[in-house]
């Protein structure tokens, strides 16, 4: 990645925050529309919608709405656009990356 120019850490952080807000709010809206009769089903719907938000946008357009707003794009190391497979891998990695309860909130070593 020696050809990377500039520091994209601030746009990535803002994009992460905005995407998480969008995905979570979308999940809550869908739960309100579906109106499941028990809470675990509602929680599962929010989780599935959250993950599908990232998968669908990255698989189809190689960027989420927040990445678009921040001028970012998901690419492979060779510079080509993200594929369905890479979007699926990134989405599954989010389960570990963005889940503080999975490892009892332990920071990475």
PDB file of N, CA and C in Angstrom:
ATOM      1  N   UNK A   1       0.812  -1.184   0.000  1.00  0.00           N
ATOM      2  CA  UNK A   1       0.000   0.000   0.000  1.00  0.00           C
ATOM      3  C   UNK A   1       0.863   1.259   0.000  1.00  0.00           C
ATOM      4  N   UNK A   2       2.017   1.172  -0.596  1.00  0.00           N
ATOM      5  CA  UNK A   2       2.909   2.324  -0.629  1.00  0.00           C
ATOM      6  C   UNK A   2       2.398   3.426  -1.542  1.00  0.00           C
ATOM      7  N   UNK A   3       1.420   3.108  -2.400  1.00  0.00           N
ATOM      8  CA  UNK A   3       0.896   4.118  -3.301  1.00  0.00           C
ATOM      9  C   UNK A   3      -0.255   4.913  -2.684  1.00  0.00           C
ATOM     10  N   UNK A   4      -0.584   4.619  -1.425  1.00  0.00           N
ATOM     11  CA  UNK A   4      -1.654   5.346  -0.756  1.00  0.00           C
ATOM     12  C   UNK A   4      -1.205   6.773  -0.466  1.00  0.00           C
ATOM     13  N   UNK A   5      -2.064   7.711  -0.798  1.00  0.00           N
ATOM     14  CA  UNK A   5      -1.720   9.126  -0.641  1.00  0.00           C
ATOM     15  C   UNK A   5      -2.628   9.736   0.416  1.00  0.00           C
ATOM     16  N   UNK A   6      -2.051  10.464   1.343  1.00  0.00           N
ATOM     17  CA  UNK A   6      -2.827  11.189   2.336  1.00  0.00           C
ATOM     18  C   UNK A   6      -3.238  10.336   3.516  1.00  0.00           C
ATOM     19  N   UNK A   7      -3.963  10.958   4.405  1.00  0.00           N
ATOM     20  CA  UNK A   7      -4.432  10.310   5.610  1.00  0.00           C
ATOM     21  C   UNK A   7      -5.958  10.335   5.598  1.00  0.00           C
ATOM     22  N   UNK A   8      -6.576   9.181   5.481  1.00  0.00           N
ATOM     23  CA  UNK A   8      -8.032   9.100   5.400  1.00  0.00           C
ATOM     24  C   UNK A   8      -8.655   8.704   6.735  1.00  0.00           C
ATOM     25  N   UNK A   9      -7.915   8.842   7.844  1.00  0.00           N
ATOM     26  CA  UNK A   9      -8.438   8.369   9.119  1.00  0.00           C
ATOM     27  C   UNK A   9      -9.658   9.162   9.578  1.00  0.00           C
ATOM     28  N   UNK A  10      -9.660  10.471   9.429  1.00  0.00           N
ATOM     29  CA  UNK A  10     -10.823  11.257   9.860  1.00  0.00           C
ATOM     30  C   UNK A  10     -12.057  10.948   9.016  1.00  0.00           C
ATOM     31  N   UNK A  11     -11.968  10.929   7.686  1.00  0.00           N
ATOM     32  CA  UNK A  11     -13.162  10.552   6.912  1.00  0.00           C
ATOM     33  C   UNK A  11     -13.641   9.135   7.230  1.00  0.00           C
ATOM     34  N   UNK A  12     -12.713   8.219   7.503  1.00  0.00           N
ATOM     35  CA  UNK A  12     -13.119   6.855   7.834  1.00  0.00           C
ATOM     36  C   UNK A  12     -13.856   6.808   9.159  1.00  0.00           C
ATOM     37  N   UNK A  13     -13.393   7.568  10.144  1.00  0.00           N
ATOM     38  CA  UNK A  13     -14.058   7.586  11.446  1.00  0.00           C
ATOM     39  C   UNK A  13     -15.449   8.200  11.311  1.00  0.00           C
ATOM     40  N   UNK A  14     -15.553   9.335  10.627  1.00  0.00           N
ATOM     41  CA  UNK A  14     -16.866   9.965  10.434  1.00  0.00           C
ATOM     42  C   UNK A  14     -17.788   9.056   9.613  1.00  0.00           C
ATOM     43  N   UNK A  15     -17.248   8.410   8.595  1.00  0.00           N
ATOM     44  CA  UNK A  15     -18.039   7.468   7.807  1.00  0.00           C
ATOM     45  C   UNK A  15     -18.532   6.304   8.639  1.00  0.00           C
ATOM     46  N   UNK A  16     -17.672   5.801   9.521  1.00  0.00           N
ATOM     47  CA  UNK A  16     -18.050   4.702  10.414  1.00  0.00           C
ATOM     48  C   UNK A  16     -19.206   5.124  11.312  1.00  0.00           C
ATOM     49  N   UNK A  17     -19.116   6.309  11.887  1.00  0.00           N
ATOM     50  CA  UNK A  17     -20.163   6.794  12.783  1.00  0.00           C
ATOM     51  C   UNK A  17     -21.477   6.989  12.022  1.00  0.00           C
ATOM     52  N   UNK A  18     -21.401   7.628  10.861  1.00  0.00           N
ATOM     53  CA  UNK A  18     -22.609   7.888  10.071  1.00  0.00           C
ATOM     54  C   UNK A  18     -23.244   6.588   9.592  1.00  0.00           C
ATOM     55  N   UNK A  19     -22.431   5.656   9.080  1.00  0.00           N
ATOM     56  CA  UNK A  19     -22.972   4.371   8.621  1.00  0.00           C
ATOM     57  C   UNK A  19     -23.619   3.596   9.762  1.00  0.00           C
ATOM     58  N   UNK A  20     -22.999   3.605  10.925  1.00  0.00           N
ATOM     59  CA  UNK A  20     -23.597   2.906  12.060  1.00  0.00           C
ATOM     60  C   UNK A  20     -24.928   3.523  12.454  1.00  0.00           C
ATOM     61  N   UNK A  21     -25.005   4.829  12.415  1.00  0.00           N
ATOM     62  CA  UNK A  21     -26.287   5.493  12.690  1.00  0.00           C
ATOM     63  C   UNK A  21     -27.342   5.108  11.654  1.00  0.00           C
ATOM     64  N   UNK A  22     -26.984   5.212  10.371  1.00  0.00           N
ATOM     65  CA  UNK A  22     -27.925   4.861   9.304  1.00  0.00           C
ATOM     66  C   UNK A  22     -28.410   3.414   9.446  1.00  0.00           C
ATOM     67  N   UNK A  23     -27.476   2.488   9.624  1.00  0.00           N
ATOM     68  CA  UNK A  23     -27.819   1.072   9.677  1.00  0.00           C
ATOM     69  C   UNK A  23     -28.688   0.751  10.896  1.00  0.00           C
ATOM     70  N   UNK A  24     -28.365   1.352  12.036  1.00  0.00           N
ATOM     71  CA  UNK A  24     -29.129   1.088  13.250  1.00  0.00           C
ATOM     72  C   UNK A  24     -30.524   1.696  13.159  1.00  0.00           C
ATOM     73  N   UNK A  25     -30.613   2.931  12.679  1.00  0.00           N
ATOM     74  CA  UNK A  25     -31.926   3.563  12.540  1.00  0.00           C
ATOM     75  C   UNK A  25     -32.792   2.796  11.545  1.00  0.00           C
ATOM     76  N   UNK A  26     -32.195   2.350  10.438  1.00  0.00           N
ATOM     77  CA  UNK A  26     -32.932   1.539   9.463  1.00  0.00           C
ATOM     78  C   UNK A  26     -33.449   0.257  10.114  1.00  0.00           C
ATOM     79  N   UNK A  27     -32.622  -0.375  10.932  1.00  0.00           N
ATOM     80  CA  UNK A  27     -33.053  -1.582  11.643  1.00  0.00           C
ATOM     81  C   UNK A  27     -34.216  -1.311  12.571  1.00  0.00           C
ATOM     82  N   UNK A  28     -34.172  -0.195  13.318  1.00  0.00           N
ATOM     83  CA  UNK A  28     -35.264   0.156  14.218  1.00  0.00           C
ATOM     84  C   UNK A  28     -36.546   0.470  13.452  1.00  0.00           C
ATOM     85  N   UNK A  29     -36.410   1.132  12.314  1.00  0.00           N
ATOM     86  CA  UNK A  29     -37.594   1.438  11.499  1.00  0.00           C
ATOM     87  C   UNK A  29     -38.244   0.148  11.003  1.00  0.00           C
ATOM     88  N   UNK A  30     -37.431  -0.785  10.544  1.00  0.00           N
ATOM     89  CA  UNK A  30     -37.987  -2.051  10.047  1.00  0.00           C
ATOM     90  C   UNK A  30     -38.637  -2.836  11.177  1.00  0.00           C
ATOM     91  N   UNK A  31     -38.040  -2.827  12.367  1.00  0.00           N
ATOM     92  CA  UNK A  31     -38.661  -3.498  13.514  1.00  0.00           C
ATOM     93  C   UNK A  31     -39.997  -2.834  13.845  1.00  0.00           C
ATOM     94  N   UNK A  32     -40.067  -1.511  13.774  1.00  0.00           N
ATOM     95  CA  UNK A  32     -41.324  -0.812  14.055  1.00  0.00           C
ATOM     96  C   UNK A  32     -42.399  -1.171  13.029  1.00  0.00           C
ATOM     97  N   UNK A  33     -41.999  -1.349  11.779  1.00  0.00           N
ATOM     98  CA  UNK A  33     -42.963  -1.700  10.731  1.00  0.00           C
ATOM     99  C   UNK A  33     -43.414  -3.155  10.883  1.00  0.00           C
ATOM    100  N   UNK A  34     -42.459  -4.055  11.123  1.00  0.00           N
ATOM    101  CA  UNK A  34     -42.786  -5.482  11.245  1.00  0.00           C
ATOM    102  C   UNK A  34     -43.529  -5.748  12.553  1.00  0.00           C
ATOM    103  N   UNK A  35     -43.147  -5.049  13.621  1.00  0.00           N
ATOM    104  CA  UNK A  35     -43.759  -5.172  14.940  1.00  0.00           C
ATOM    105  C   UNK A  35     -43.795  -6.624  15.433  1.00  0.00           C
ATOM    106  N   UNK A  36     -42.603  -7.229  15.642  1.00  0.00           N
ATOM    107  CA  UNK A  36     -42.578  -8.611  16.128  1.00  0.00           C
ATOM    108  C   UNK A  36     -43.135  -8.684  17.552  1.00  0.00           C
ATOM    109  N   UNK A  37     -43.684  -9.839  17.897  1.00  0.00           N
ATOM    110  CA  UNK A  37     -44.346  -9.991  19.190  1.00  0.00           C
ATOM    111  C   UNK A  37     -43.392 -10.292  20.340  1.00  0.00           C
ATOM    112  N   UNK A  38     -42.142 -10.661  20.046  1.00  0.00           N
ATOM    113  CA  UNK A  38     -41.187 -10.863  21.144  1.00  0.00           C
ATOM    114  C   UNK A  38     -39.883 -10.134  20.852  1.00  0.00           C
ATOM    115  N   UNK A  39     -39.203  -9.744  21.927  1.00  0.00           N
ATOM    116  CA  UNK A  39     -38.011  -8.911  21.802  1.00  0.00           C
ATOM    117  C   UNK A  39     -36.831  -9.592  21.119  1.00  0.00           C
ATOM    118  N   UNK A  40     -36.573 -10.877  21.362  1.00  0.00           N
ATOM    119  CA  UNK A  40     -35.430 -11.490  20.661  1.00  0.00           C
ATOM    120  C   UNK A  40     -35.564 -11.443  19.143  1.00  0.00           C
ATOM    121  N   UNK A  41     -36.756 -11.587  18.633  1.00  0.00           N
ATOM    122  CA  UNK A  41     -36.961 -11.506  17.183  1.00  0.00           C
ATOM    123  C   UNK A  41     -36.678 -10.088  16.704  1.00  0.00           C
ATOM    124  N   UNK A  42     -37.115  -9.099  17.454  1.00  0.00           N
ATOM    125  CA  UNK A  42     -36.830  -7.709  17.100  1.00  0.00           C
ATOM    126  C   UNK A  42     -35.343  -7.429  17.100  1.00  0.00           C
ATOM    127  N   UNK A  43     -34.628  -7.943  18.105  1.00  0.00           N
ATOM    128  CA  UNK A  43     -33.175  -7.768  18.159  1.00  0.00           C
ATOM    129  C   UNK A  43     -32.484  -8.448  16.991  1.00  0.00           C
ATOM    130  N   UNK A  44     -32.955  -9.629  16.634  1.00  0.00           N
ATOM    131  CA  UNK A  44     -32.384 -10.350  15.490  1.00  0.00           C
ATOM    132  C   UNK A  44     -32.609  -9.580  14.197  1.00  0.00           C
ATOM    133  N   UNK A  45     -33.793  -8.990  14.053  1.00  0.00           N
ATOM    134  CA  UNK A  45     -34.081  -8.200  12.851  1.00  0.00           C
ATOM    135  C   UNK A  45     -33.136  -7.002  12.762  1.00  0.00           C
ATOM    136  N   UNK A  46     -32.926  -6.308  13.872  1.00  0.00           N
ATOM    137  CA  UNK A  46     -32.009  -5.163  13.872  1.00  0.00           C
ATOM    138  C   UNK A  46     -30.613  -5.605  13.466  1.00  0.00           C
ATOM    139  N   UNK A  47     -30.140  -6.723  14.002  1.00  0.00           N
ATOM    140  CA  UNK A  47     -28.795  -7.222  13.672  1.00  0.00           C
ATOM    141  C   UNK A  47     -28.677  -7.595  12.202  1.00  0.00           C
ATOM    142  N   UNK A  48     -29.679  -8.294  11.676  1.00  0.00           N
ATOM    143  CA  UNK A  48     -29.638  -8.715  10.277  1.00  0.00           C
ATOM    144  C   UNK A  48     -29.685  -7.500   9.348  1.00  0.00           C
ATOM    145  N   UNK A  49     -30.555  -6.537   9.651  1.00  0.00           N
ATOM    146  CA  UNK A  49     -30.643  -5.329   8.821  1.00  0.00           C
ATOM    147  C   UNK A  49     -29.332  -4.559   8.874  1.00  0.00           C
ATOM    148  N   UNK A  50     -28.733  -4.461  10.065  1.00  0.00           N
ATOM    149  CA  UNK A  50     -27.454  -3.774  10.228  1.00  0.00           C
ATOM    150  C   UNK A  50     -26.394  -4.393   9.318  1.00  0.00           C
ATOM    151  N   UNK A  51     -26.278  -5.712   9.341  1.00  0.00           N
ATOM    152  CA  UNK A  51     -25.272  -6.387   8.517  1.00  0.00           C
ATOM    153  C   UNK A  51     -25.606  -6.302   7.028  1.00  0.00           C
ATOM    154  N   UNK A  52     -26.886  -6.438   6.685  1.00  0.00           N
ATOM    155  CA  UNK A  52     -27.281  -6.347   5.275  1.00  0.00           C
ATOM    156  C   UNK A  52     -27.034  -4.959   4.694  1.00  0.00           C
ATOM    157  N   UNK A  53     -27.166  -3.931   5.506  1.00  0.00           N
ATOM    158  CA  UNK A  53     -26.893  -2.558   5.065  1.00  0.00           C
ATOM    159  C   UNK A  53     -25.501  -2.478   4.457  1.00  0.00           C
ATOM    160  N   UNK A  54     -24.511  -2.959   5.199  1.00  0.00           N
ATOM    161  CA  UNK A  54     -23.132  -2.895   4.718  1.00  0.00           C
ATOM    162  C   UNK A  54     -22.908  -3.834   3.535  1.00  0.00           C
ATOM    163  N   UNK A  55     -23.427  -5.056   3.625  1.00  0.00           N
ATOM    164  CA  UNK A  55     -23.214  -6.031   2.561  1.00  0.00           C
ATOM    165  C   UNK A  55     -23.791  -5.548   1.234  1.00  0.00           C
ATOM    166  N   UNK A  56     -25.036  -5.108   1.239  1.00  0.00           N
ATOM    167  CA  UNK A  56     -25.705  -4.722  -0.010  1.00  0.00           C
ATOM    168  C   UNK A  56     -25.006  -3.529  -0.659  1.00  0.00           C
ATOM    169  N   UNK A  57     -24.742  -2.485   0.117  1.00  0.00           N
ATOM    170  CA  UNK A  57     -24.111  -1.300  -0.470  1.00  0.00           C
ATOM    171  C   UNK A  57     -22.699  -1.596  -0.973  1.00  0.00           C
ATOM    172  N   UNK A  58     -21.914  -2.336  -0.187  1.00  0.00           N
ATOM    173  CA  UNK A  58     -20.541  -2.610  -0.621  1.00  0.00           C
ATOM    174  C   UNK A  58     -20.493  -3.607  -1.770  1.00  0.00           C
ATOM    175  N   UNK A  59     -21.430  -4.547  -1.825  1.00  0.00           N
ATOM    176  CA  UNK A  59     -21.454  -5.511  -2.925  1.00  0.00           C
ATOM    177  C   UNK A  59     -21.895  -4.860  -4.234  1.00  0.00           C
ATOM    178  N   UNK A  60     -22.856  -3.946  -4.165  1.00  0.00           N
ATOM    179  CA  UNK A  60     -23.377  -3.333  -5.382  1.00  0.00           C
ATOM    180  C   UNK A  60     -22.555  -2.136  -5.861  1.00  0.00           C
ATOM    181  N   UNK A  61     -22.134  -1.261  -4.931  1.00  0.00           N
ATOM    182  CA  UNK A  61     -21.502  -0.008  -5.343  1.00  0.00           C
ATOM    183  C   UNK A  61     -20.112   0.207  -4.750  1.00  0.00           C
ATOM    184  N   UNK A  62     -19.588  -0.759  -4.022  1.00  0.00           N
ATOM    185  CA  UNK A  62     -18.266  -0.650  -3.381  1.00  0.00           C
ATOM    186  C   UNK A  62     -18.179   0.519  -2.410  1.00  0.00           C
ATOM    187  N   UNK A  63     -19.301   0.979  -1.939  1.00  0.00           N
ATOM    188  CA  UNK A  63     -19.317   2.053  -0.940  1.00  0.00           C
ATOM    189  C   UNK A  63     -20.693   2.128  -0.298  1.00  0.00           C
ATOM    190  N   UNK A  64     -20.694   2.561   0.936  1.00  0.00           N
ATOM    191  CA  UNK A  64     -21.943   2.812   1.646  1.00  0.00           C
ATOM    192  C   UNK A  64     -22.292   4.288   1.471  1.00  0.00           C
ATOM    193  N   UNK A  65     -23.496   4.705   1.871  1.00  0.00           N
ATOM    194  CA  UNK A  65     -23.827   6.132   1.749  1.00  0.00           C
ATOM    195  C   UNK A  65     -22.835   7.048   2.466  1.00  0.00           C
ATOM    196  N   UNK A  66     -22.396   6.669   3.656  1.00  0.00           N
ATOM    197  CA  UNK A  66     -21.440   7.514   4.384  1.00  0.00           C
ATOM    198  C   UNK A  66     -20.075   7.522   3.702  1.00  0.00           C
ATOM    199  N   UNK A  67     -19.651   6.391   3.168  1.00  0.00           N
ATOM    200  CA  UNK A  67     -18.389   6.366   2.423  1.00  0.00           C
ATOM    201  C   UNK A  67     -18.487   7.275   1.205  1.00  0.00           C
ATOM    202  N   UNK A  68     -19.642   7.275   0.557  1.00  0.00           N
ATOM    203  CA  UNK A  68     -19.860   8.172  -0.573  1.00  0.00           C
ATOM    204  C   UNK A  68     -19.755   9.632  -0.124  1.00  0.00           C
ATOM    205  N   UNK A  69     -20.408   9.964   0.981  1.00  0.00           N
ATOM    206  CA  UNK A  69     -20.362  11.342   1.497  1.00  0.00           C
ATOM    207  C   UNK A  69     -18.950  11.769   1.878  1.00  0.00           C
ATOM    208  N   UNK A  70     -18.154  10.829   2.360  1.00  0.00           N
ATOM    209  CA  UNK A  70     -16.784  11.127   2.794  1.00  0.00           C
ATOM    210  C   UNK A  70     -15.770  10.982   1.657  1.00  0.00           C
ATOM    211  N   UNK A  71     -16.228  10.560   0.474  1.00  0.00           N
ATOM    212  CA  UNK A  71     -15.324  10.412  -0.663  1.00  0.00           C
ATOM    213  C   UNK A  71     -14.474   9.157  -0.591  1.00  0.00           C
ATOM    214  N   UNK A  72     -14.974   8.130   0.079  1.00  0.00           N
ATOM    215  CA  UNK A  72     -14.233   6.880   0.234  1.00  0.00           C
ATOM    216  C   UNK A  72     -14.852   5.783  -0.618  1.00  0.00           C
ATOM    217  N   UNK A  73     -14.068   4.771  -0.912  1.00  0.00           N
ATOM    218  CA  UNK A  73     -14.546   3.644  -1.697  1.00  0.00           C
ATOM    219  C   UNK A  73     -13.807   2.398  -1.246  1.00  0.00           C
ATOM    220  N   UNK A  74     -14.505   1.271  -1.196  1.00  0.00           N
ATOM    221  CA  UNK A  74     -13.885   0.004  -0.843  1.00  0.00           C
ATOM    222  C   UNK A  74     -13.251  -0.580  -2.094  1.00  0.00           C
ATOM    223  N   UNK A  75     -11.958  -0.888  -1.998  1.00  0.00           N
ATOM    224  CA  UNK A  75     -11.240  -1.474  -3.129  1.00  0.00           C
ATOM    225  C   UNK A  75     -10.381  -2.636  -2.645  1.00  0.00           C
ATOM    226  N   UNK A  76     -10.088  -3.511  -3.568  1.00  0.00           N
ATOM    227  CA  UNK A  76      -9.123  -4.573  -3.281  1.00  0.00           C
ATOM    228  C   UNK A  76      -7.721  -3.973  -3.297  1.00  0.00           C
ATOM    229  N   UNK A  77      -6.749  -4.750  -2.868  1.00  0.00           N
ATOM    230  CA  UNK A  77      -5.377  -4.236  -2.828  1.00  0.00           C
ATOM    231  C   UNK A  77      -4.838  -3.933  -4.223  1.00  0.00           C
ATOM    232  N   UNK A  78      -5.405  -4.566  -5.253  1.00  0.00           N
ATOM    233  CA  UNK A  78      -4.946  -4.271  -6.620  1.00  0.00           C
ATOM    234  C   UNK A  78      -5.676  -3.071  -7.235  1.00  0.00           C
ATOM    235  N   UNK A  79      -6.574  -2.425  -6.471  1.00  0.00           N
ATOM    236  CA  UNK A  79      -7.263  -1.235  -6.939  1.00  0.00           C
ATOM    237  C   UNK A  79      -8.596  -1.493  -7.610  1.00  0.00           C
ATOM    238  N   UNK A  80      -8.975  -2.754  -7.799  1.00  0.00           N
ATOM    239  CA  UNK A  80     -10.260  -3.056  -8.423  1.00  0.00           C
ATOM    240  C   UNK A  80     -11.380  -2.913  -7.401  1.00  0.00           C
ATOM    241  N   UNK A  81     -12.596  -2.814  -7.915  1.00  0.00           N
ATOM    242  CA  UNK A  81     -13.764  -2.625  -7.056  1.00  0.00           C
ATOM    243  C   UNK A  81     -14.045  -3.864  -6.214  1.00  0.00           C
ATOM    244  N   UNK A  82     -14.739  -3.639  -5.134  1.00  0.00           N
ATOM    245  CA  UNK A  82     -15.145  -4.721  -4.241  1.00  0.00           C
ATOM    246  C   UNK A  82     -16.110  -5.653  -4.969  1.00  0.00           C
ATOM    247  N   UNK A  83     -16.077  -6.924  -4.618  1.00  0.00           N
ATOM    248  CA  UNK A  83     -16.993  -7.901  -5.213  1.00  0.00           C
ATOM    249  C   UNK A  83     -17.965  -8.383  -4.133  1.00  0.00           C
ATOM    250  N   UNK A  84     -18.877  -9.232  -4.528  1.00  0.00           N
ATOM    251  CA  UNK A  84     -19.822  -9.807  -3.569  1.00  0.00           C
ATOM    252  C   UNK A  84     -19.079 -10.609  -2.513  1.00  0.00           C
ATOM    253  N   UNK A  85     -18.065 -11.342  -2.923  1.00  0.00           N
ATOM    254  CA  UNK A  85     -17.290 -12.145  -1.974  1.00  0.00           C
ATOM    255  C   UNK A  85     -16.550 -11.271  -0.980  1.00  0.00           C
ATOM    256  N   UNK A  86     -15.888 -10.239  -1.449  1.00  0.00           N
ATOM    257  CA  UNK A  86     -15.159  -9.370  -0.526  1.00  0.00           C
ATOM    258  C   UNK A  86     -16.118  -8.603   0.374  1.00  0.00           C
ATOM    259  N   UNK A  87     -17.290  -8.229  -0.144  1.00  0.00           N
ATOM    260  CA  UNK A  87     -18.290  -7.558   0.690  1.00  0.00           C
ATOM    261  C   UNK A  87     -18.799  -8.508   1.775  1.00  0.00           C
ATOM    262  N   UNK A  88     -18.975  -9.780   1.431  1.00  0.00           N
ATOM    263  CA  UNK A  88     -19.418 -10.763   2.427  1.00  0.00           C
ATOM    264  C   UNK A  88     -18.363 -10.962   3.508  1.00  0.00           C
ATOM    265  N   UNK A  89     -17.105 -11.030   3.119  1.00  0.00           N
ATOM    266  CA  UNK A  89     -16.025 -11.195   4.100  1.00  0.00           C
ATOM    267  C   UNK A  89     -15.950  -9.977   5.010  1.00  0.00           C
ATOM    268  N   UNK A  90     -16.041  -8.790   4.441  1.00  0.00           N
ATOM    269  CA  UNK A  90     -16.010  -7.561   5.253  1.00  0.00           C
ATOM    270  C   UNK A  90     -17.197  -7.506   6.211  1.00  0.00           C
ATOM    271  N   UNK A  91     -18.370  -7.940   5.735  1.00  0.00           N
ATOM    272  CA  UNK A  91     -19.562  -7.918   6.576  1.00  0.00           C
ATOM    273  C   UNK A  91     -19.429  -8.910   7.730  1.00  0.00           C
ATOM    274  N   UNK A  92     -18.929 -10.096   7.453  1.00  0.00           N
ATOM    275  CA  UNK A  92     -18.727 -11.079   8.527  1.00  0.00           C
ATOM    276  C   UNK A  92     -17.670 -10.604   9.516  1.00  0.00           C
ATOM    277  N   UNK A  93     -16.666  -9.912   9.036  1.00  0.00           N
ATOM    278  CA  UNK A  93     -15.637  -9.380   9.923  1.00  0.00           C
ATOM    279  C   UNK A  93     -16.198  -8.305  10.849  1.00  0.00           C
ATOM    280  N   UNK A  94     -17.261  -7.626  10.426  1.00  0.00           N
ATOM    281  CA  UNK A  94     -17.890  -6.613  11.278  1.00  0.00           C
ATOM    282  C   UNK A  94     -18.438  -7.214  12.561  1.00  0.00           C
ATOM    283  N   UNK A  95     -18.843  -8.471  12.502  1.00  0.00           N
ATOM    284  CA  UNK A  95     -19.362  -9.128  13.703  1.00  0.00           C
ATOM    285  C   UNK A  95     -18.294  -9.131  14.791  1.00  0.00           C
ATOM    286  N   UNK A  96     -17.055  -9.363  14.407  1.00  0.00           N
ATOM    287  CA  UNK A  96     -15.959  -9.333  15.376  1.00  0.00           C
ATOM    288  C   UNK A  96     -15.485  -7.913  15.642  1.00  0.00           C
ATOM    289  N   UNK A  97     -15.401  -7.116  14.596  1.00  0.00           N
ATOM    290  CA  UNK A  97     -14.830  -5.778  14.692  1.00  0.00           C
ATOM    291  C   UNK A  97     -15.684  -4.830  15.532  1.00  0.00           C
ATOM    292  N   UNK A  98     -16.978  -4.842  15.328  1.00  0.00           N
ATOM    293  CA  UNK A  98     -17.845  -3.842  15.952  1.00  0.00           C
ATOM    294  C   UNK A  98     -18.660  -4.398  17.108  1.00  0.00           C
ATOM    295  N   UNK A  99     -18.256  -5.523  17.684  1.00  0.00           N
ATOM    296  CA  UNK A  99     -19.019  -6.139  18.757  1.00  0.00           C
ATOM    297  C   UNK A  99     -18.213  -6.120  20.053  1.00  0.00           C
ATOM    298  N   UNK A 100     -18.385  -5.088  20.882  1.00  0.00           N
ATOM    299  CA  UNK A 100     -17.594  -4.996  22.113  1.00  0.00           C
ATOM    300  C   UNK A 100     -17.940  -6.081  23.128  1.00  0.00           C
ATOM    301  N   UNK A 101     -19.131  -6.673  23.056  1.00  0.00           N
ATOM    302  CA  UNK A 101     -19.513  -7.696  24.014  1.00  0.00           C
ATOM    303  C   UNK A 101     -18.932  -9.070  23.685  1.00  0.00           C
ATOM    304  N   UNK A 102     -18.518  -9.268  22.447  1.00  0.00           N
ATOM    305  CA  UNK A 102     -18.032 -10.570  22.045  1.00  0.00           C
ATOM    306  C   UNK A 102     -16.799 -10.983  22.835  1.00  0.00           C
ATOM    307  N   UNK A 103     -15.896 -10.070  23.045  1.00  0.00           N
ATOM    308  CA  UNK A 103     -14.695 -10.358  23.827  1.00  0.00           C
ATOM    309  C   UNK A 103     -14.707  -9.560  25.134  1.00  0.00           C
ATOM    310  N   UNK A 104     -15.903  -9.351  25.686  1.00  0.00           N
ATOM    311  CA  UNK A 104     -16.112  -8.649  26.947  1.00  0.00           C
ATOM    312  C   UNK A 104     -15.493  -7.251  26.918  1.00  0.00           C
ATOM    313  N   UNK A 105     -15.523  -6.621  25.767  1.00  0.00           N
ATOM    314  CA  UNK A 105     -15.044  -5.252  25.635  1.00  0.00           C
ATOM    315  C   UNK A 105     -13.544  -5.112  25.789  1.00  0.00           C
ATOM    316  N   UNK A 106     -12.788  -6.182  25.613  1.00  0.00           N
ATOM    317  CA  UNK A 106     -11.327  -6.112  25.756  1.00  0.00           C
ATOM    318  C   UNK A 106     -10.727  -5.408  24.546  1.00  0.00           C
ATOM    319  N   UNK A 107      -9.835  -4.447  24.787  1.00  0.00           N
ATOM    320  CA  UNK A 107      -9.171  -3.810  23.644  1.00  0.00           C
ATOM    321  C   UNK A 107      -8.195  -4.789  23.005  1.00  0.00           C
ATOM    322  N   UNK A 108      -7.967  -4.648  21.700  1.00  0.00           N
ATOM    323  CA  UNK A 108      -7.011  -5.556  21.036  1.00  0.00           C
ATOM    324  C   UNK A 108      -5.611  -5.360  21.572  1.00  0.00           C
ATOM    325  N   UNK A 109      -4.871  -6.437  21.622  1.00  0.00           N
ATOM    326  CA  UNK A 109      -3.507  -6.396  22.139  1.00  0.00           C
ATOM    327  C   UNK A 109      -2.522  -6.178  21.020  1.00  0.00           C
TER     328      UNK A 109
END
